[in-house]
Amino acid sequence: MTMDFTPPGPEAKVFVISVAAELSGLHPQTLRTYDRLGIVEAGRTGGGGRRYSLRDIEMLRTVARLTAEGLGLEGVRRVIELENQVAALQAKVADLQAELSLAHQALGTVQNLPVLAAESHLTPWRRPRR
């Protein structure tokens, strides 16, 4: 009988607070503070112990870097929020580009229209002057 082992992914909350503190270079009390403030949300065990993922540890390192650069915790929270928004928008743009590409291919195939290789013939939209 073979057992397949799948290592936990980057979102798996597997690290106890002492290990997460060591990996992030922060004090465990700092991690507790960040959890209370909602900057990095730890998972919880049945007994209430905190657990952190690899992604959480990366976020803790980012928070440490930003605070070392002089940002306050509210500034750090805002930067992280904006970075998350940018990542979500980039993913949406990639999805829309793929959808547009499929639509161009479908139009080219169904209606025997050539698929545009580049849109260099289009001029960028500019806001009219007032």
N, C-alpha and C. Protein backbone atom coordinates (compact mmCIF):
# COMPACT_ATOMS: atom_id res chain seq x y z
N MET A 1 0.83 -1.17 0.00
CA MET A 1 0.00 0.00 0.00
C MET A 1 0.89 1.24 0.00
N THR A 2 0.72 2.09 -1.00
CA THR A 2 1.49 3.33 -1.06
C THR A 2 0.59 4.48 -0.62
N MET A 3 1.21 5.39 0.07
CA MET A 3 0.48 6.57 0.51
C MET A 3 1.00 7.76 -0.27
N ASP A 4 0.12 8.45 -0.90
CA ASP A 4 0.50 9.65 -1.63
C ASP A 4 0.55 10.81 -0.65
N PHE A 5 1.66 11.50 -0.64
CA PHE A 5 1.81 12.67 0.23
C PHE A 5 1.84 13.91 -0.64
N THR A 6 0.95 14.81 -0.36
CA THR A 6 0.93 16.09 -1.04
C THR A 6 1.35 17.14 -0.03
N PRO A 7 2.46 17.81 -0.29
CA PRO A 7 2.89 18.83 0.67
C PRO A 7 1.85 19.96 0.74
N PRO A 8 1.76 20.61 1.89
CA PRO A 8 0.79 21.69 2.03
C PRO A 8 1.14 22.85 1.09
N GLY A 9 0.12 23.49 0.59
CA GLY A 9 0.32 24.63 -0.29
C GLY A 9 0.68 25.89 0.49
N PRO A 10 0.92 26.98 -0.21
CA PRO A 10 1.35 28.22 0.44
C PRO A 10 0.28 28.84 1.34
N GLU A 11 -0.97 28.38 1.19
CA GLU A 11 -2.07 28.93 2.00
C GLU A 11 -2.33 28.10 3.25
N ALA A 12 -1.71 26.93 3.36
CA ALA A 12 -1.96 26.03 4.50
C ALA A 12 -1.39 26.63 5.78
N LYS A 13 -2.22 26.76 6.78
CA LYS A 13 -1.82 27.34 8.07
C LYS A 13 -1.19 26.23 8.92
N VAL A 14 0.14 26.09 8.80
CA VAL A 14 0.82 24.97 9.45
C VAL A 14 1.89 25.39 10.45
N PHE A 15 2.32 26.64 10.45
CA PHE A 15 3.43 27.06 11.30
C PHE A 15 2.92 27.66 12.61
N VAL A 16 3.45 27.16 13.74
CA VAL A 16 3.11 27.76 15.03
C VAL A 16 3.76 29.13 15.12
N ILE A 17 3.31 29.93 16.05
CA ILE A 17 3.74 31.33 16.13
C ILE A 17 5.25 31.47 16.32
N SER A 18 5.86 30.58 17.09
CA SER A 18 7.31 30.71 17.31
C SER A 18 8.09 30.47 16.02
N VAL A 19 7.64 29.52 15.22
CA VAL A 19 8.32 29.24 13.95
C VAL A 19 8.06 30.39 12.97
N ALA A 20 6.83 30.87 12.90
CA ALA A 20 6.51 31.99 12.01
C ALA A 20 7.30 33.23 12.40
N ALA A 21 7.47 33.46 13.71
CA ALA A 21 8.24 34.61 14.17
C ALA A 21 9.70 34.48 13.74
N GLU A 22 10.24 33.29 13.89
CA GLU A 22 11.64 33.07 13.50
C GLU A 22 11.82 33.23 11.99
N LEU A 23 10.90 32.66 11.21
CA LEU A 23 11.01 32.74 9.75
C LEU A 23 10.82 34.17 9.23
N SER A 24 10.01 34.96 9.93
CA SER A 24 9.74 36.32 9.47
C SER A 24 10.71 37.34 10.07
N GLY A 25 11.45 36.93 11.10
CA GLY A 25 12.38 37.85 11.75
C GLY A 25 11.70 38.81 12.71
N LEU A 26 10.49 38.48 13.12
CA LEU A 26 9.74 39.34 14.03
C LEU A 26 9.53 38.64 15.37
N HIS A 27 9.21 39.40 16.38
CA HIS A 27 8.92 38.86 17.71
C HIS A 27 7.50 38.29 17.72
N PRO A 28 7.27 37.19 18.44
CA PRO A 28 5.91 36.62 18.49
C PRO A 28 4.85 37.63 18.93
N GLN A 29 5.21 38.54 19.84
CA GLN A 29 4.23 39.54 20.28
C GLN A 29 3.85 40.46 19.12
N THR A 30 4.78 40.74 18.25
CA THR A 30 4.49 41.56 17.06
C THR A 30 3.50 40.83 16.17
N LEU A 31 3.67 39.52 16.01
CA LEU A 31 2.74 38.74 15.21
C LEU A 31 1.35 38.78 15.82
N ARG A 32 1.26 38.69 17.15
CA ARG A 32 -0.04 38.77 17.83
C ARG A 32 -0.70 40.13 17.57
N THR A 33 0.11 41.19 17.63
CA THR A 33 -0.41 42.53 17.38
C THR A 33 -0.93 42.65 15.95
N TYR A 34 -0.15 42.17 14.99
CA TYR A 34 -0.58 42.24 13.59
C TYR A 34 -1.86 41.43 13.37
N ASP A 35 -2.00 40.31 14.07
CA ASP A 35 -3.21 39.50 13.97
C ASP A 35 -4.40 40.27 14.54
N ARG A 36 -4.22 40.89 15.70
CA ARG A 36 -5.31 41.68 16.31
C ARG A 36 -5.73 42.83 15.41
N LEU A 37 -4.76 43.45 14.73
CA LEU A 37 -5.05 44.59 13.85
C LEU A 37 -5.59 44.15 12.48
N GLY A 38 -5.52 42.84 12.20
CA GLY A 38 -6.01 42.34 10.92
C GLY A 38 -5.04 42.52 9.77
N ILE A 39 -3.79 42.81 10.07
CA ILE A 39 -2.80 42.99 9.01
C ILE A 39 -2.41 41.64 8.42
N VAL A 40 -2.17 40.67 9.30
CA VAL A 40 -1.93 39.28 8.89
C VAL A 40 -2.81 38.42 9.79
N GLU A 41 -3.75 37.71 9.19
CA GLU A 41 -4.71 36.94 9.97
C GLU A 41 -4.25 35.50 10.10
N ALA A 42 -3.93 35.12 11.32
CA ALA A 42 -3.50 33.76 11.60
C ALA A 42 -4.72 32.84 11.64
N GLY A 43 -4.48 31.57 11.30
CA GLY A 43 -5.50 30.56 11.51
C GLY A 43 -5.51 30.19 12.98
N ARG A 44 -6.52 29.49 13.41
CA ARG A 44 -6.63 29.09 14.81
C ARG A 44 -6.82 27.59 14.93
N THR A 45 -6.20 27.04 15.96
CA THR A 45 -6.41 25.63 16.28
C THR A 45 -7.64 25.55 17.18
N GLY A 46 -8.07 24.34 17.48
CA GLY A 46 -9.20 24.15 18.37
C GLY A 46 -8.95 24.76 19.75
N GLY A 47 -7.71 24.75 20.19
CA GLY A 47 -7.36 25.32 21.49
C GLY A 47 -7.06 26.81 21.44
N GLY A 48 -7.16 27.43 20.27
CA GLY A 48 -6.96 28.87 20.14
C GLY A 48 -5.55 29.28 19.73
N GLY A 49 -4.65 28.30 19.51
CA GLY A 49 -3.30 28.64 19.09
C GLY A 49 -3.28 29.19 17.67
N ARG A 50 -2.36 30.09 17.42
CA ARG A 50 -2.24 30.69 16.09
C ARG A 50 -1.41 29.80 15.17
N ARG A 51 -1.82 29.75 13.90
CA ARG A 51 -1.08 29.03 12.87
C ARG A 51 -0.93 29.95 11.67
N TYR A 52 0.25 29.90 11.05
CA TYR A 52 0.56 30.77 9.92
C TYR A 52 0.95 29.94 8.70
N SER A 53 0.68 30.49 7.53
CA SER A 53 1.03 29.84 6.26
C SER A 53 2.30 30.47 5.70
N LEU A 54 2.83 29.86 4.65
CA LEU A 54 3.98 30.46 3.95
C LEU A 54 3.61 31.84 3.41
N ARG A 55 2.39 31.97 2.91
CA ARG A 55 1.95 33.26 2.38
C ARG A 55 1.88 34.29 3.51
N ASP A 56 1.43 33.86 4.71
CA ASP A 56 1.40 34.77 5.85
C ASP A 56 2.82 35.23 6.20
N ILE A 57 3.77 34.31 6.17
CA ILE A 57 5.15 34.64 6.50
C ILE A 57 5.73 35.62 5.48
N GLU A 58 5.40 35.44 4.21
CA GLU A 58 5.82 36.41 3.19
C GLU A 58 5.23 37.78 3.49
N MET A 59 3.94 37.79 3.90
CA MET A 59 3.28 39.05 4.23
C MET A 59 3.93 39.69 5.45
N LEU A 60 4.28 38.90 6.45
CA LEU A 60 4.96 39.43 7.63
C LEU A 60 6.29 40.07 7.26
N ARG A 61 7.01 39.44 6.35
CA ARG A 61 8.28 40.01 5.89
C ARG A 61 8.06 41.33 5.16
N THR A 62 6.98 41.39 4.37
CA THR A 62 6.63 42.64 3.68
C THR A 62 6.30 43.73 4.68
N VAL A 63 5.52 43.39 5.69
CA VAL A 63 5.15 44.36 6.72
C VAL A 63 6.41 44.85 7.43
N ALA A 64 7.31 43.94 7.76
CA ALA A 64 8.56 44.33 8.43
C ALA A 64 9.38 45.27 7.55
N ARG A 65 9.44 44.97 6.26
CA ARG A 65 10.20 45.83 5.34
C ARG A 65 9.58 47.21 5.25
N LEU A 66 8.25 47.27 5.11
CA LEU A 66 7.58 48.56 4.97
C LEU A 66 7.69 49.40 6.24
N THR A 67 7.58 48.76 7.40
CA THR A 67 7.72 49.52 8.64
C THR A 67 9.16 49.99 8.82
N ALA A 68 10.12 49.18 8.38
CA ALA A 68 11.53 49.58 8.46
C ALA A 68 11.80 50.77 7.54
N GLU A 69 11.01 50.88 6.46
CA GLU A 69 11.16 52.01 5.53
C GLU A 69 10.44 53.26 6.03
N GLY A 70 9.76 53.14 7.18
CA GLY A 70 9.17 54.32 7.78
C GLY A 70 7.65 54.42 7.72
N LEU A 71 6.99 53.45 7.15
CA LEU A 71 5.53 53.50 7.11
C LEU A 71 4.95 53.08 8.44
N GLY A 72 3.87 53.72 8.83
CA GLY A 72 3.12 53.30 10.01
C GLY A 72 2.24 52.12 9.66
N LEU A 73 1.65 51.51 10.67
CA LEU A 73 0.85 50.31 10.41
C LEU A 73 -0.37 50.60 9.54
N GLU A 74 -0.98 51.78 9.70
CA GLU A 74 -2.12 52.12 8.83
C GLU A 74 -1.66 52.29 7.39
N GLY A 75 -0.48 52.87 7.19
CA GLY A 75 0.09 52.99 5.85
C GLY A 75 0.40 51.63 5.27
N VAL A 76 0.94 50.74 6.09
CA VAL A 76 1.23 49.37 5.65
C VAL A 76 -0.06 48.68 5.24
N ARG A 77 -1.09 48.82 6.06
CA ARG A 77 -2.38 48.19 5.75
C ARG A 77 -2.92 48.70 4.40
N ARG A 78 -2.78 50.00 4.17
CA ARG A 78 -3.27 50.60 2.91
C ARG A 78 -2.44 50.11 1.72
N VAL A 79 -1.13 50.05 1.87
CA VAL A 79 -0.26 49.56 0.79
C VAL A 79 -0.63 48.13 0.43
N ILE A 80 -0.81 47.29 1.45
CA ILE A 80 -1.17 45.89 1.20
C ILE A 80 -2.52 45.80 0.51
N GLU A 81 -3.47 46.60 0.97
CA GLU A 81 -4.80 46.62 0.35
C GLU A 81 -4.71 47.02 -1.12
N LEU A 82 -3.93 48.05 -1.41
CA LEU A 82 -3.77 48.50 -2.80
C LEU A 82 -3.03 47.46 -3.64
N GLU A 83 -2.01 46.81 -3.08
CA GLU A 83 -1.31 45.76 -3.81
C GLU A 83 -2.25 44.60 -4.14
N ASN A 84 -3.12 44.26 -3.21
CA ASN A 84 -4.10 43.20 -3.46
C ASN A 84 -5.07 43.61 -4.56
N GLN A 85 -5.49 44.88 -4.54
CA GLN A 85 -6.39 45.37 -5.59
C GLN A 85 -5.70 45.33 -6.96
N VAL A 86 -4.44 45.74 -6.99
CA VAL A 86 -3.69 45.72 -8.25
C VAL A 86 -3.58 44.29 -8.78
N ALA A 87 -3.26 43.35 -7.89
CA ALA A 87 -3.14 41.95 -8.32
C ALA A 87 -4.46 41.42 -8.84
N ALA A 88 -5.55 41.77 -8.17
CA ALA A 88 -6.87 41.33 -8.63
C ALA A 88 -7.21 41.94 -9.99
N LEU A 89 -6.89 43.21 -10.17
CA LEU A 89 -7.16 43.86 -11.45
C LEU A 89 -6.29 43.30 -12.56
N GLN A 90 -5.03 42.99 -12.25
CA GLN A 90 -4.16 42.37 -13.25
C GLN A 90 -4.70 41.02 -13.68
N ALA A 91 -5.20 40.25 -12.73
CA ALA A 91 -5.78 38.94 -13.06
C ALA A 91 -7.03 39.13 -13.92
N LYS A 92 -7.85 40.12 -13.61
CA LYS A 92 -9.06 40.39 -14.39
C LYS A 92 -8.69 40.82 -15.81
N VAL A 93 -7.68 41.67 -15.94
CA VAL A 93 -7.23 42.10 -17.27
C VAL A 93 -6.74 40.90 -18.07
N ALA A 94 -5.99 40.02 -17.44
CA ALA A 94 -5.50 38.82 -18.13
C ALA A 94 -6.66 37.96 -18.59
N ASP A 95 -7.67 37.80 -17.74
CA ASP A 95 -8.86 37.03 -18.12
C ASP A 95 -9.58 37.68 -19.30
N LEU A 96 -9.74 39.00 -19.24
CA LEU A 96 -10.43 39.70 -20.32
C LEU A 96 -9.63 39.65 -21.63
N GLN A 97 -8.30 39.72 -21.53
CA GLN A 97 -7.48 39.61 -22.73
C GLN A 97 -7.62 38.23 -23.35
N ALA A 98 -7.66 37.21 -22.52
CA ALA A 98 -7.84 35.85 -23.04
C ALA A 98 -9.21 35.70 -23.69
N GLU A 99 -10.22 36.27 -23.05
CA GLU A 99 -11.57 36.23 -23.60
C GLU A 99 -11.64 36.98 -24.93
N LEU A 100 -10.99 38.13 -24.98
CA LEU A 100 -10.97 38.91 -26.21
C LEU A 100 -10.24 38.16 -27.32
N SER A 101 -9.15 37.50 -26.96
CA SER A 101 -8.41 36.72 -27.94
C SER A 101 -9.28 35.60 -28.51
N LEU A 102 -10.01 34.92 -27.63
CA LEU A 102 -10.92 33.87 -28.09
C LEU A 102 -12.01 34.44 -29.00
N ALA A 103 -12.51 35.62 -28.65
CA ALA A 103 -13.55 36.25 -29.46
C ALA A 103 -12.99 36.62 -30.83
N HIS A 104 -11.76 37.14 -30.86
CA HIS A 104 -11.14 37.46 -32.15
C HIS A 104 -10.96 36.19 -32.99
N GLN A 105 -10.53 35.11 -32.36
CA GLN A 105 -10.35 33.85 -33.07
C GLN A 105 -11.69 33.34 -33.59
N ALA A 106 -12.72 33.44 -32.77
CA ALA A 106 -14.04 32.97 -33.18
C ALA A 106 -14.55 33.78 -34.36
N LEU A 107 -14.37 35.08 -34.30
CA LEU A 107 -14.82 35.93 -35.40
C LEU A 107 -14.04 35.62 -36.67
N GLY A 108 -12.76 35.41 -36.51
CA GLY A 108 -11.92 35.11 -37.68
C GLY A 108 -12.30 33.78 -38.30
N THR A 109 -12.68 32.82 -37.51
CA THR A 109 -13.03 31.50 -38.01
C THR A 109 -14.44 31.46 -38.56
N VAL A 110 -15.38 32.02 -37.80
CA VAL A 110 -16.78 31.93 -38.17
C VAL A 110 -17.11 32.83 -39.35
N GLN A 111 -16.63 34.03 -39.33
CA GLN A 111 -17.00 34.99 -40.37
C GLN A 111 -15.91 35.19 -41.40
N ASN A 112 -14.91 34.35 -41.38
CA ASN A 112 -13.79 34.45 -42.31
C ASN A 112 -13.15 35.83 -42.31
N LEU A 113 -13.08 36.42 -41.12
CA LEU A 113 -12.42 37.71 -40.98
C LEU A 113 -11.00 37.47 -40.48
N PRO A 114 -10.06 38.26 -40.95
CA PRO A 114 -8.70 38.07 -40.45
C PRO A 114 -8.61 38.49 -38.99
N VAL A 115 -7.84 37.75 -38.23
CA VAL A 115 -7.62 38.10 -36.83
C VAL A 115 -6.50 39.12 -36.80
N LEU A 116 -6.73 40.21 -36.10
CA LEU A 116 -5.73 41.26 -36.02
C LEU A 116 -4.54 40.78 -35.21
N ALA A 117 -3.38 40.84 -35.80
CA ALA A 117 -2.18 40.42 -35.10
C ALA A 117 -1.75 41.49 -34.10
N ALA A 118 -1.97 42.73 -34.45
CA ALA A 118 -1.63 43.84 -33.56
C ALA A 118 -2.65 44.93 -33.75
N GLU A 119 -2.84 45.69 -32.72
CA GLU A 119 -3.81 46.77 -32.80
C GLU A 119 -3.10 48.11 -32.93
N SER A 120 -1.97 48.11 -33.62
CA SER A 120 -1.16 49.32 -33.75
C SER A 120 -1.85 50.37 -34.62
N HIS A 121 -2.84 49.96 -35.40
CA HIS A 121 -3.53 50.92 -36.25
C HIS A 121 -4.54 51.75 -35.46
N LEU A 122 -4.81 51.36 -34.23
CA LEU A 122 -5.75 52.11 -33.41
C LEU A 122 -5.03 53.25 -32.71
N THR A 123 -5.68 54.39 -32.64
CA THR A 123 -5.09 55.51 -31.91
C THR A 123 -5.63 55.50 -30.49
N PRO A 124 -4.80 55.81 -29.53
CA PRO A 124 -5.27 55.79 -28.14
C PRO A 124 -6.30 56.89 -27.90
N TRP A 125 -7.27 56.59 -27.04
CA TRP A 125 -8.29 57.56 -26.68
C TRP A 125 -7.67 58.61 -25.80
N ARG A 126 -7.99 59.85 -26.08
CA ARG A 126 -7.52 60.95 -25.24
C ARG A 126 -8.73 61.77 -24.78
N ARG A 127 -8.65 62.21 -23.54
CA ARG A 127 -9.71 63.05 -22.98
C ARG A 127 -9.73 64.38 -23.73
N PRO A 128 -10.91 64.83 -24.16
CA PRO A 128 -10.99 66.12 -24.85
C PRO A 128 -10.58 67.26 -23.93
N ARG A 129 -9.95 68.25 -24.51
CA ARG A 129 -9.56 69.44 -23.73
C ARG A 129 -10.79 70.27 -23.44
N ARG A 130 -10.75 70.93 -22.33
CA ARG A 130 -11.87 71.82 -21.96
C ARG A 130 -11.54 73.25 -22.22
